[in-house]
Structure formats: structure tokens, C-alpha cells
């Protein structure tokens, strides 16, 4: 791969990827938001202390899709830019509409 490709992906597609075990979901919302409700299996990497090194530099090797999401789709764009600046190579998918869009598409949420 020669660089970073950033794609906007609709929540229905991400929902199917999650059901098929083909998504590595990164939640860039803040810890209190993540603790309130989240997508099952998502990992937390909050934008306020986002660490690109937490993710593989050459993309995912197991064929999974890397998906960033936040509340409504803005913060994941900032995180994607941080990934670009870090030299990340691969495809990064931003979920359109964030977790709000996910829920509207019928995606289940885990609540504490």
C-alpha cells in the first residue's frame, strides 16, 4: 500500500461488517461517552488523547476493515487526519453519522 485512503462508509455497511466479523471498530468518543453506550467489540481511543501508535502502521493484516466512529461523524475526521500525519498506510473507514447513524440503522448498543 502506498498511503492512506479515507472513505466515508454508511452505517448499514459497517453493521454488516460487524455481523460478519470483518470490522475493527475504533470509538474516538471520550471515555464517559464510551462507558455510557458503545458498539460491542469496539475499542476506545478517545480523540482528546488519541494515539495513532495504538493501531498497526500498515493497516490490518487479517483482512478486517478499520472503522473509526464518534458521536455524529466529526471527531472521527480529526482522528483520521492524525492517522494520516502519523504515516499510517492502508484504508481507514469513517462511519457516516457516527454512533447516532449506527443506532438509526438498527445497530445494537451495549450499555452499562
Foldseek 3Di string as FASTA:
>chain_A
DQAEAEAEDELVVVLVCVVVVQEAEEEQEDPVVVQFKDAPNHHYQHLVRHDLVVDDQADDDVNHAYEYFYQFQDSVVVSSVVSRVVGRHDYYYYHHGGVVSNVVSVGDMDGD
